């Protein structure tokens, strides 16, 4: 029997999230290309990376929901036709038992472009203009097993969107990281799009709080956490050249993969299931490049 370790490679995309729907589609497709080139299994994008993250996402400059649906189909087809699993951040209209609800989502896709499941943001703010989620789903990511010599591994994931991580600490509600541990998750995936470009003091306070929460959440959950952020402003201002609202990268109590805080960056992380508590068996090979 081969002693090759079972791994799953996750790519992270720190990319600009604009209000231009088609531009966002092209940016995500470039990130998919990067993930393919680097033999990744899943690509993670920031919050609202398809639609943009702003209250008028459905009607901006004459946009309709059909335009958003068409853009999503284009991304789904591109990822599926190229065998890339996807964790896509986007605003969405979801048909649910109580009617059609606006949601801020992570949408999880397998390597065939088929939807595995969704995570809806729980701790929303007025800016979201969506209905919050009310539970912490466990997403099972199937392993494509590209190589016969590699053992098969499925990974159980709990997803979070931006304020879900910070809100777990200061809103006095359920800590999603501890909940993830209780329900048997292996990994946390955080898609962020926080405010930045505020006054210098507020930016500094938010930065320290967000960075501390990433460390604390991975510590409290006792599992790795992968996070990606928008590299411009929440409003889509591309002239912004400052640091991201929170760091992109990977944590397991300490920061394992460090990503530059400015501009478009891509990285990957090789997750090894069942051995993460031993420093010697954490395997990661960060590759960070601009598009």
C-alpha atoms as a PDB file:
ATOM      1  CA  UNK A   1       0.000   0.000   0.000  1.00  0.00           C
ATOM      2  CA  UNK A   2       1.346   3.447  -0.888  1.00  0.00           C
ATOM      3  CA  UNK A   3       2.371   5.677   2.006  1.00  0.00           C
ATOM      4  CA  UNK A   4       1.591   8.773  -0.068  1.00  0.00           C
ATOM      5  CA  UNK A   5      -0.366  11.188   2.094  1.00  0.00           C
ATOM      6  CA  UNK A   6      -3.936  12.150   1.264  1.00  0.00           C
ATOM      7  CA  UNK A   7      -3.979  15.853   0.478  1.00  0.00           C
ATOM      8  CA  UNK A   8      -6.400  18.355  -0.967  1.00  0.00           C
ATOM      9  CA  UNK A   9      -5.001  21.508  -2.561  1.00  0.00           C
ATOM     10  CA  UNK A  10      -6.921  24.741  -2.008  1.00  0.00           C
ATOM     11  CA  UNK A  11      -6.191  27.884  -4.016  1.00  0.00           C
ATOM     12  CA  UNK A  12      -6.990  31.315  -2.615  1.00  0.00           C
ATOM     13  CA  UNK A  13      -7.663  34.380  -4.787  1.00  0.00           C
ATOM     14  CA  UNK A  14      -7.142  37.843  -3.287  1.00  0.00           C
ATOM     15  CA  UNK A  15      -8.710  39.746  -6.179  1.00  0.00           C
ATOM     16  CA  UNK A  16     -10.475  43.062  -6.906  1.00  0.00           C
ATOM     17  CA  UNK A  17     -14.245  42.864  -6.375  1.00  0.00           C
ATOM     18  CA  UNK A  18     -15.799  45.545  -8.587  1.00  0.00           C
ATOM     19  CA  UNK A  19     -19.349  46.612  -9.486  1.00  0.00           C
ATOM     20  CA  UNK A  20     -18.740  45.530 -13.101  1.00  0.00           C
ATOM     21  CA  UNK A  21     -20.345  42.093 -13.419  1.00  0.00           C
ATOM     22  CA  UNK A  22     -18.527  40.966 -16.566  1.00  0.00           C
ATOM     23  CA  UNK A  23     -15.203  42.246 -15.305  1.00  0.00           C
ATOM     24  CA  UNK A  24     -15.669  40.163 -12.169  1.00  0.00           C
ATOM     25  CA  UNK A  25     -16.423  37.115 -14.326  1.00  0.00           C
ATOM     26  CA  UNK A  26     -13.173  37.588 -16.252  1.00  0.00           C
ATOM     27  CA  UNK A  27     -11.196  38.080 -13.027  1.00  0.00           C
ATOM     28  CA  UNK A  28     -12.591  34.853 -11.562  1.00  0.00           C
ATOM     29  CA  UNK A  29     -11.819  32.976 -14.800  1.00  0.00           C
ATOM     30  CA  UNK A  30      -8.202  34.174 -14.612  1.00  0.00           C
ATOM     31  CA  UNK A  31      -8.051  32.887 -11.045  1.00  0.00           C
ATOM     32  CA  UNK A  32      -9.449  29.542 -12.204  1.00  0.00           C
ATOM     33  CA  UNK A  33      -6.667  29.447 -14.824  1.00  0.00           C
ATOM     34  CA  UNK A  34      -4.089  30.042 -12.083  1.00  0.00           C
ATOM     35  CA  UNK A  35      -5.570  27.283  -9.929  1.00  0.00           C
ATOM     36  CA  UNK A  36      -5.544  24.870 -12.887  1.00  0.00           C
ATOM     37  CA  UNK A  37      -1.907  25.679 -13.678  1.00  0.00           C
ATOM     38  CA  UNK A  38      -0.981  24.977 -10.060  1.00  0.00           C
ATOM     39  CA  UNK A  39      -2.903  21.671  -9.916  1.00  0.00           C
ATOM     40  CA  UNK A  40      -5.373  22.818  -7.257  1.00  0.00           C
ATOM     41  CA  UNK A  41      -8.576  20.981  -6.347  1.00  0.00           C
ATOM     42  CA  UNK A  42     -10.681  23.971  -5.198  1.00  0.00           C
ATOM     43  CA  UNK A  43     -10.472  27.737  -5.694  1.00  0.00           C
ATOM     44  CA  UNK A  44     -11.743  30.128  -2.982  1.00  0.00           C
ATOM     45  CA  UNK A  45     -12.880  33.678  -3.873  1.00  0.00           C
ATOM     46  CA  UNK A  46     -13.791  36.691  -1.675  1.00  0.00           C
ATOM     47  CA  UNK A  47     -17.254  37.719  -0.525  1.00  0.00           C
ATOM     48  CA  UNK A  48     -19.372  39.080  -3.377  1.00  0.00           C
ATOM     49  CA  UNK A  49     -16.658  38.344  -5.938  1.00  0.00           C
ATOM     50  CA  UNK A  50     -19.129  37.626  -8.761  1.00  0.00           C
ATOM     51  CA  UNK A  51     -21.819  40.297  -8.275  1.00  0.00           C
ATOM     52  CA  UNK A  52     -19.819  42.824  -6.328  1.00  0.00           C
ATOM     53  CA  UNK A  53     -20.641  43.444  -2.678  1.00  0.00           C
ATOM     54  CA  UNK A  54     -23.105  46.332  -2.375  1.00  0.00           C
ATOM     55  CA  UNK A  55     -26.864  46.682  -1.655  1.00  0.00           C
ATOM     56  CA  UNK A  56     -27.863  47.452  -5.283  1.00  0.00           C
ATOM     57  CA  UNK A  57     -26.088  44.397  -6.731  1.00  0.00           C
ATOM     58  CA  UNK A  58     -29.204  43.205  -8.623  1.00  0.00           C
ATOM     59  CA  UNK A  59     -30.207  46.496 -10.285  1.00  0.00           C
ATOM     60  CA  UNK A  60     -26.920  48.406 -10.678  1.00  0.00           C
ATOM     61  CA  UNK A  61     -26.837  50.427 -13.932  1.00  0.00           C
ATOM     62  CA  UNK A  62     -29.796  48.565 -15.450  1.00  0.00           C
ATOM     63  CA  UNK A  63     -28.614  45.109 -14.453  1.00  0.00           C
ATOM     64  CA  UNK A  64     -31.279  42.438 -13.955  1.00  0.00           C
ATOM     65  CA  UNK A  65     -31.167  39.188 -12.049  1.00  0.00           C
ATOM     66  CA  UNK A  66     -31.035  37.355 -15.383  1.00  0.00           C
ATOM     67  CA  UNK A  67     -27.717  39.105 -16.039  1.00  0.00           C
ATOM     68  CA  UNK A  68     -26.448  37.814 -12.697  1.00  0.00           C
ATOM     69  CA  UNK A  69     -27.774  34.322 -13.447  1.00  0.00           C
ATOM     70  CA  UNK A  70     -26.064  34.338 -16.862  1.00  0.00           C
ATOM     71  CA  UNK A  71     -22.779  35.447 -15.269  1.00  0.00           C
ATOM     72  CA  UNK A  72     -23.007  32.662 -12.694  1.00  0.00           C
ATOM     73  CA  UNK A  73     -23.657  30.092 -15.427  1.00  0.00           C
ATOM     74  CA  UNK A  74     -20.584  31.343 -17.305  1.00  0.00           C
ATOM     75  CA  UNK A  75     -18.387  30.877 -14.235  1.00  0.00           C
ATOM     76  CA  UNK A  76     -19.932  27.491 -13.393  1.00  0.00           C
ATOM     77  CA  UNK A  77     -19.364  26.246 -16.950  1.00  0.00           C
ATOM     78  CA  UNK A  78     -15.798  27.542 -17.086  1.00  0.00           C
ATOM     79  CA  UNK A  79     -14.850  25.910 -13.788  1.00  0.00           C
ATOM     80  CA  UNK A  80     -16.675  22.649 -14.567  1.00  0.00           C
ATOM     81  CA  UNK A  81     -15.311  22.357 -18.109  1.00  0.00           C
ATOM     82  CA  UNK A  82     -11.805  22.747 -16.703  1.00  0.00           C
ATOM     83  CA  UNK A  83     -12.270  20.375 -13.766  1.00  0.00           C
ATOM     84  CA  UNK A  84     -11.870  23.011 -11.053  1.00  0.00           C
ATOM     85  CA  UNK A  85     -13.817  22.886  -7.809  1.00  0.00           C
ATOM     86  CA  UNK A  86     -15.000  26.281  -6.635  1.00  0.00           C
ATOM     87  CA  UNK A  87     -15.955  28.167  -3.469  1.00  0.00           C
ATOM     88  CA  UNK A  88     -17.597  31.243  -4.984  1.00  0.00           C
ATOM     89  CA  UNK A  89     -18.609  34.340  -3.044  1.00  0.00           C
ATOM     90  CA  UNK A  90     -21.648  36.106  -4.503  1.00  0.00           C
ATOM     91  CA  UNK A  91     -24.943  37.807  -3.717  1.00  0.00           C
ATOM     92  CA  UNK A  92     -27.898  35.683  -4.808  1.00  0.00           C
ATOM     93  CA  UNK A  93     -31.684  35.274  -4.847  1.00  0.00           C
ATOM     94  CA  UNK A  94     -32.591  31.911  -3.327  1.00  0.00           C
ATOM     95  CA  UNK A  95     -35.942  30.148  -3.703  1.00  0.00           C
ATOM     96  CA  UNK A  96     -36.748  28.869  -0.232  1.00  0.00           C
ATOM     97  CA  UNK A  97     -39.832  27.587   1.571  1.00  0.00           C
ATOM     98  CA  UNK A  98     -40.774  31.065   2.736  1.00  0.00           C
ATOM     99  CA  UNK A  99     -40.293  32.610  -0.726  1.00  0.00           C
ATOM    100  CA  UNK A 100     -37.458  34.175  -2.718  1.00  0.00           C
ATOM    101  CA  UNK A 101     -34.834  35.596  -0.360  1.00  0.00           C
ATOM    102  CA  UNK A 102     -31.775  37.732  -1.018  1.00  0.00           C
ATOM    103  CA  UNK A 103     -28.723  35.948   0.375  1.00  0.00           C
ATOM    104  CA  UNK A 104     -25.023  36.676   0.699  1.00  0.00           C
ATOM    105  CA  UNK A 105     -23.485  33.281  -0.107  1.00  0.00           C
ATOM    106  CA  UNK A 106     -20.544  31.012  -0.544  1.00  0.00           C
ATOM    107  CA  UNK A 107     -21.523  28.558  -3.305  1.00  0.00           C
ATOM    108  CA  UNK A 108     -19.582  25.275  -3.291  1.00  0.00           C
ATOM    109  CA  UNK A 109     -19.077  23.390  -6.588  1.00  0.00           C
ATOM    110  CA  UNK A 110     -17.396  20.086  -7.421  1.00  0.00           C
ATOM    111  CA  UNK A 111     -14.966  19.571 -10.306  1.00  0.00           C
ATOM    112  CA  UNK A 112     -17.852  19.011 -12.737  1.00  0.00           C
ATOM    113  CA  UNK A 113     -19.421  22.382 -11.996  1.00  0.00           C
ATOM    114  CA  UNK A 114     -22.229  20.823  -9.949  1.00  0.00           C
ATOM    115  CA  UNK A 115     -23.465  22.654  -6.858  1.00  0.00           C
ATOM    116  CA  UNK A 116     -22.562  20.784  -3.662  1.00  0.00           C
ATOM    117  CA  UNK A 117     -24.144  23.216  -1.207  1.00  0.00           C
ATOM    118  CA  UNK A 118     -24.352  26.816  -0.053  1.00  0.00           C
ATOM    119  CA  UNK A 119     -23.439  28.817   3.033  1.00  0.00           C
ATOM    120  CA  UNK A 120     -25.500  31.948   3.759  1.00  0.00           C
ATOM    121  CA  UNK A 121     -23.957  34.774   5.775  1.00  0.00           C
ATOM    122  CA  UNK A 122     -25.272  34.672   9.343  1.00  0.00           C
ATOM    123  CA  UNK A 123     -24.113  37.938  10.907  1.00  0.00           C
ATOM    124  CA  UNK A 124     -25.274  40.487   8.335  1.00  0.00           C
ATOM    125  CA  UNK A 125     -25.105  44.289   8.441  1.00  0.00           C
ATOM    126  CA  UNK A 126     -27.416  46.890   6.866  1.00  0.00           C
ATOM    127  CA  UNK A 127     -25.041  47.143   3.895  1.00  0.00           C
ATOM    128  CA  UNK A 128     -25.808  43.506   2.994  1.00  0.00           C
ATOM    129  CA  UNK A 129     -29.535  44.157   2.430  1.00  0.00           C
ATOM    130  CA  UNK A 130     -30.075  40.383   2.614  1.00  0.00           C
ATOM    131  CA  UNK A 131     -31.700  37.863   4.940  1.00  0.00           C
ATOM    132  CA  UNK A 132     -29.223  36.259   7.361  1.00  0.00           C
ATOM    133  CA  UNK A 133     -28.611  32.528   7.522  1.00  0.00           C
ATOM    134  CA  UNK A 134     -29.714  30.752  10.681  1.00  0.00           C
ATOM    135  CA  UNK A 135     -27.529  27.645  10.877  1.00  0.00           C
ATOM    136  CA  UNK A 136     -24.005  26.362  10.304  1.00  0.00           C
ATOM    137  CA  UNK A 137     -24.035  23.798   7.466  1.00  0.00           C
ATOM    138  CA  UNK A 138     -21.328  21.154   7.059  1.00  0.00           C
ATOM    139  CA  UNK A 139     -20.206  20.984   3.413  1.00  0.00           C
ATOM    140  CA  UNK A 140     -18.639  17.720   2.200  1.00  0.00           C
ATOM    141  CA  UNK A 141     -16.058  18.431  -0.494  1.00  0.00           C
ATOM    142  CA  UNK A 142     -15.443  15.376  -2.699  1.00  0.00           C
ATOM    143  CA  UNK A 143     -11.877  14.519  -3.652  1.00  0.00           C
ATOM    144  CA  UNK A 144     -11.361  14.260  -7.431  1.00  0.00           C
ATOM    145  CA  UNK A 145      -8.405  11.853  -6.917  1.00  0.00           C
ATOM    146  CA  UNK A 146      -6.443  12.896  -9.986  1.00  0.00           C
ATOM    147  CA  UNK A 147      -3.685  10.367  -9.255  1.00  0.00           C
ATOM    148  CA  UNK A 148      -4.215   6.634  -8.660  1.00  0.00           C
ATOM    149  CA  UNK A 149      -1.302   6.602  -6.209  1.00  0.00           C
ATOM    150  CA  UNK A 150      -2.914   9.152  -3.878  1.00  0.00           C
ATOM    151  CA  UNK A 151      -5.326   7.957  -1.158  1.00  0.00           C
ATOM    152  CA  UNK A 152      -8.878   9.245  -1.471  1.00  0.00           C
ATOM    153  CA  UNK A 153      -9.935  11.990   0.936  1.00  0.00           C
ATOM    154  CA  UNK A 154     -13.185  13.875   1.398  1.00  0.00           C
ATOM    155  CA  UNK A 155     -13.024  17.050   3.484  1.00  0.00           C
ATOM    156  CA  UNK A 156     -15.780  18.417   5.736  1.00  0.00           C
ATOM    157  CA  UNK A 157     -15.878  22.211   5.629  1.00  0.00           C
ATOM    158  CA  UNK A 158     -17.658  24.986   7.505  1.00  0.00           C
ATOM    159  CA  UNK A 159     -17.828  28.269   5.597  1.00  0.00           C
ATOM    160  CA  UNK A 160     -18.009  31.837   6.866  1.00  0.00           C
ATOM    161  CA  UNK A 161     -18.576  35.176   5.167  1.00  0.00           C
ATOM    162  CA  UNK A 162     -16.767  38.245   6.489  1.00  0.00           C
ATOM    163  CA  UNK A 163     -18.645  39.324   9.619  1.00  0.00           C
ATOM    164  CA  UNK A 164     -19.458  35.694  10.503  1.00  0.00           C
ATOM    165  CA  UNK A 165     -15.908  35.447  11.821  1.00  0.00           C
ATOM    166  CA  UNK A 166     -15.783  38.807  13.629  1.00  0.00           C
ATOM    167  CA  UNK A 167     -19.414  38.602  14.787  1.00  0.00           C
ATOM    168  CA  UNK A 168     -18.735  35.329  16.550  1.00  0.00           C
ATOM    169  CA  UNK A 169     -16.704  37.310  19.079  1.00  0.00           C
ATOM    170  CA  UNK A 170     -18.383  40.669  19.626  1.00  0.00           C
ATOM    171  CA  UNK A 171     -22.098  40.002  19.026  1.00  0.00           C
ATOM    172  CA  UNK A 172     -22.367  37.543  21.906  1.00  0.00           C
ATOM    173  CA  UNK A 173     -23.791  34.779  19.690  1.00  0.00           C
ATOM    174  CA  UNK A 174     -22.707  31.272  18.725  1.00  0.00           C
ATOM    175  CA  UNK A 175     -19.019  30.945  17.904  1.00  0.00           C
ATOM    176  CA  UNK A 176     -18.967  29.320  14.466  1.00  0.00           C
ATOM    177  CA  UNK A 177     -15.462  27.940  14.934  1.00  0.00           C
ATOM    178  CA  UNK A 178     -16.390  26.022  18.071  1.00  0.00           C
ATOM    179  CA  UNK A 179     -19.605  24.883  16.400  1.00  0.00           C
ATOM    180  CA  UNK A 180     -17.525  23.605  13.464  1.00  0.00           C
ATOM    181  CA  UNK A 181     -15.428  21.551  15.873  1.00  0.00           C
ATOM    182  CA  UNK A 182     -18.556  20.151  17.555  1.00  0.00           C
ATOM    183  CA  UNK A 183     -20.092  18.964  14.264  1.00  0.00           C
ATOM    184  CA  UNK A 184     -16.915  17.295  13.024  1.00  0.00           C
ATOM    185  CA  UNK A 185     -15.527  19.763  10.472  1.00  0.00           C
ATOM    186  CA  UNK A 186     -11.967  19.436   9.185  1.00  0.00           C
ATOM    187  CA  UNK A 187     -11.475  22.941   7.814  1.00  0.00           C
ATOM    188  CA  UNK A 188     -12.816  26.519   7.968  1.00  0.00           C
ATOM    189  CA  UNK A 189     -13.133  28.607   4.787  1.00  0.00           C
ATOM    190  CA  UNK A 190     -13.615  32.377   5.169  1.00  0.00           C
ATOM    191  CA  UNK A 191     -14.541  34.677   2.259  1.00  0.00           C
ATOM    192  CA  UNK A 192     -14.158  38.304   3.315  1.00  0.00           C
ATOM    193  CA  UNK A 193     -14.798  41.810   1.988  1.00  0.00           C
ATOM    194  CA  UNK A 194     -14.295  44.239   4.822  1.00  0.00           C
ATOM    195  CA  UNK A 195     -14.342  48.018   4.978  1.00  0.00           C
ATOM    196  CA  UNK A 196     -11.063  49.782   4.375  1.00  0.00           C
ATOM    197  CA  UNK A 197      -9.935  53.228   3.278  1.00  0.00           C
ATOM    198  CA  UNK A 198     -11.586  54.738   6.348  1.00  0.00           C
ATOM    199  CA  UNK A 199      -9.769  57.160   8.622  1.00  0.00           C
ATOM    200  CA  UNK A 200      -6.302  55.876   9.620  1.00  0.00           C
ATOM    201  CA  UNK A 201      -7.210  55.144  13.237  1.00  0.00           C
ATOM    202  CA  UNK A 202     -10.341  53.171  12.303  1.00  0.00           C
ATOM    203  CA  UNK A 203      -8.431  51.234   9.639  1.00  0.00           C
ATOM    204  CA  UNK A 204      -5.745  50.340  12.181  1.00  0.00           C
ATOM    205  CA  UNK A 205      -8.256  49.210  14.819  1.00  0.00           C
ATOM    206  CA  UNK A 206     -10.169  47.063  12.308  1.00  0.00           C
ATOM    207  CA  UNK A 207      -6.955  45.544  10.968  1.00  0.00           C
ATOM    208  CA  UNK A 208      -5.739  44.460  14.403  1.00  0.00           C
ATOM    209  CA  UNK A 209      -9.174  43.102  15.337  1.00  0.00           C
ATOM    210  CA  UNK A 210      -9.601  41.137  12.109  1.00  0.00           C
ATOM    211  CA  UNK A 211      -6.097  39.689  12.259  1.00  0.00           C
ATOM    212  CA  UNK A 212      -6.547  38.690  15.885  1.00  0.00           C
ATOM    213  CA  UNK A 213      -9.901  37.038  15.112  1.00  0.00           C
ATOM    214  CA  UNK A 214      -8.319  34.887  12.383  1.00  0.00           C
ATOM    215  CA  UNK A 215      -5.718  33.596  14.843  1.00  0.00           C
ATOM    216  CA  UNK A 216      -8.279  33.122  17.611  1.00  0.00           C
ATOM    217  CA  UNK A 217     -10.852  31.369  15.419  1.00  0.00           C
ATOM    218  CA  UNK A 218      -8.384  28.761  14.162  1.00  0.00           C
ATOM    219  CA  UNK A 219      -7.186  28.288  17.754  1.00  0.00           C
ATOM    220  CA  UNK A 220     -10.712  27.937  19.183  1.00  0.00           C
ATOM    221  CA  UNK A 221     -11.804  25.586  16.381  1.00  0.00           C
ATOM    222  CA  UNK A 222      -8.513  23.651  16.518  1.00  0.00           C
ATOM    223  CA  UNK A 223      -8.419  23.306  12.739  1.00  0.00           C
ATOM    224  CA  UNK A 224      -6.930  25.151   9.751  1.00  0.00           C
ATOM    225  CA  UNK A 225      -8.647  28.279   8.460  1.00  0.00           C
ATOM    226  CA  UNK A 226      -8.254  29.612   4.900  1.00  0.00           C
ATOM    227  CA  UNK A 227      -9.236  33.246   4.314  1.00  0.00           C
ATOM    228  CA  UNK A 228      -9.341  35.459   1.194  1.00  0.00           C
ATOM    229  CA  UNK A 229     -10.222  39.144   0.976  1.00  0.00           C
ATOM    230  CA  UNK A 230     -11.092  41.719  -1.680  1.00  0.00           C
ATOM    231  CA  UNK A 231      -7.938  43.697  -2.574  1.00  0.00           C
ATOM    232  CA  UNK A 232      -9.772  46.999  -3.243  1.00  0.00           C
ATOM    233  CA  UNK A 233     -12.645  48.648  -1.322  1.00  0.00           C
ATOM    234  CA  UNK A 234     -16.077  47.233  -0.558  1.00  0.00           C
ATOM    235  CA  UNK A 235     -17.474  49.915  -2.875  1.00  0.00           C
ATOM    236  CA  UNK A 236     -15.285  48.658  -5.733  1.00  0.00           C
ATOM    237  CA  UNK A 237     -12.928  51.652  -5.804  1.00  0.00           C
ATOM    238  CA  UNK A 238      -9.969  50.390  -7.838  1.00  0.00           C
ATOM    239  CA  UNK A 239      -7.856  53.474  -7.122  1.00  0.00           C
ATOM    240  CA  UNK A 240      -7.370  52.187  -3.569  1.00  0.00           C
ATOM    241  CA  UNK A 241      -3.809  50.935  -3.091  1.00  0.00           C
ATOM    242  CA  UNK A 242      -3.799  50.278   0.642  1.00  0.00           C
ATOM    243  CA  UNK A 243      -3.779  46.964   2.506  1.00  0.00           C
ATOM    244  CA  UNK A 244      -6.685  44.548   2.559  1.00  0.00           C
ATOM    245  CA  UNK A 245      -9.156  44.775   5.436  1.00  0.00           C
ATOM    246  CA  UNK A 246      -7.928  41.437   6.762  1.00  0.00           C
ATOM    247  CA  UNK A 247      -5.016  39.219   5.748  1.00  0.00           C
ATOM    248  CA  UNK A 248      -5.507  36.515   3.149  1.00  0.00           C
ATOM    249  CA  UNK A 249      -3.742  33.241   3.892  1.00  0.00           C
ATOM    250  CA  UNK A 250      -3.907  30.143   6.089  1.00  0.00           C
ATOM    251  CA  UNK A 251      -3.912  29.734   9.869  1.00  0.00           C
ATOM    252  CA  UNK A 252      -3.760  26.828  12.224  1.00  0.00           C
ATOM    253  CA  UNK A 253      -3.269  28.615  15.518  1.00  0.00           C
ATOM    254  CA  UNK A 254      -0.327  30.423  13.893  1.00  0.00           C
ATOM    255  CA  UNK A 255      -0.227  31.848  10.374  1.00  0.00           C
ATOM    256  CA  UNK A 256       1.043  29.159   8.012  1.00  0.00           C
ATOM    257  CA  UNK A 257       0.719  30.958   4.666  1.00  0.00           C
ATOM    258  CA  UNK A 258       1.352  34.715   4.575  1.00  0.00           C
ATOM    259  CA  UNK A 259       0.103  36.723   1.607  1.00  0.00           C
ATOM    260  CA  UNK A 260       1.060  40.305   0.682  1.00  0.00           C
ATOM    261  CA  UNK A 261      -1.696  42.655   1.806  1.00  0.00           C
ATOM    262  CA  UNK A 262      -1.774  44.767  -1.376  1.00  0.00           C
ATOM    263  CA  UNK A 263      -3.096  43.954  -4.851  1.00  0.00           C
ATOM    264  CA  UNK A 264      -4.063  40.753  -6.646  1.00  0.00           C
ATOM    265  CA  UNK A 265      -2.430  37.700  -5.066  1.00  0.00           C
ATOM    266  CA  UNK A 266      -2.879  33.960  -5.473  1.00  0.00           C
ATOM    267  CA  UNK A 267      -1.691  31.182  -3.177  1.00  0.00           C
ATOM    268  CA  UNK A 268      -2.323  27.517  -2.492  1.00  0.00           C
ATOM    269  CA  UNK A 269      -2.346  25.299   0.576  1.00  0.00           C
ATOM    270  CA  UNK A 270      -2.007  21.507   0.725  1.00  0.00           C
ATOM    271  CA  UNK A 271      -4.405  20.308   3.422  1.00  0.00           C
ATOM    272  CA  UNK A 272      -3.429  17.004   5.076  1.00  0.00           C
ATOM    273  CA  UNK A 273      -6.357  15.457   6.919  1.00  0.00           C
ATOM    274  CA  UNK A 274      -5.895  13.979  10.359  1.00  0.00           C
ATOM    275  CA  UNK A 275      -2.355  15.197  10.957  1.00  0.00           C
ATOM    276  CA  UNK A 276      -2.806  18.926  11.346  1.00  0.00           C
ATOM    277  CA  UNK A 277      -2.110  18.887  15.063  1.00  0.00           C
ATOM    278  CA  UNK A 278       1.518  17.858  14.401  1.00  0.00           C
ATOM    279  CA  UNK A 279       3.709  20.644  13.110  1.00  0.00           C
ATOM    280  CA  UNK A 280       5.961  18.192  11.268  1.00  0.00           C
ATOM    281  CA  UNK A 281       3.065  16.927   9.151  1.00  0.00           C
ATOM    282  CA  UNK A 282       1.642  20.291   8.093  1.00  0.00           C
ATOM    283  CA  UNK A 283       2.495  20.559   4.413  1.00  0.00           C
ATOM    284  CA  UNK A 284       2.054  23.802   2.602  1.00  0.00           C
ATOM    285  CA  UNK A 285       3.720  25.291  -0.419  1.00  0.00           C
ATOM    286  CA  UNK A 286       2.636  28.905  -0.752  1.00  0.00           C
ATOM    287  CA  UNK A 287       2.850  30.282  -4.254  1.00  0.00           C
ATOM    288  CA  UNK A 288       1.988  33.969  -4.391  1.00  0.00           C
ATOM    289  CA  UNK A 289       1.852  35.786  -7.717  1.00  0.00           C
ATOM    290  CA  UNK A 290       0.016  38.710  -9.272  1.00  0.00           C
ATOM    291  CA  UNK A 291      -2.276  37.973 -12.208  1.00  0.00           C
END
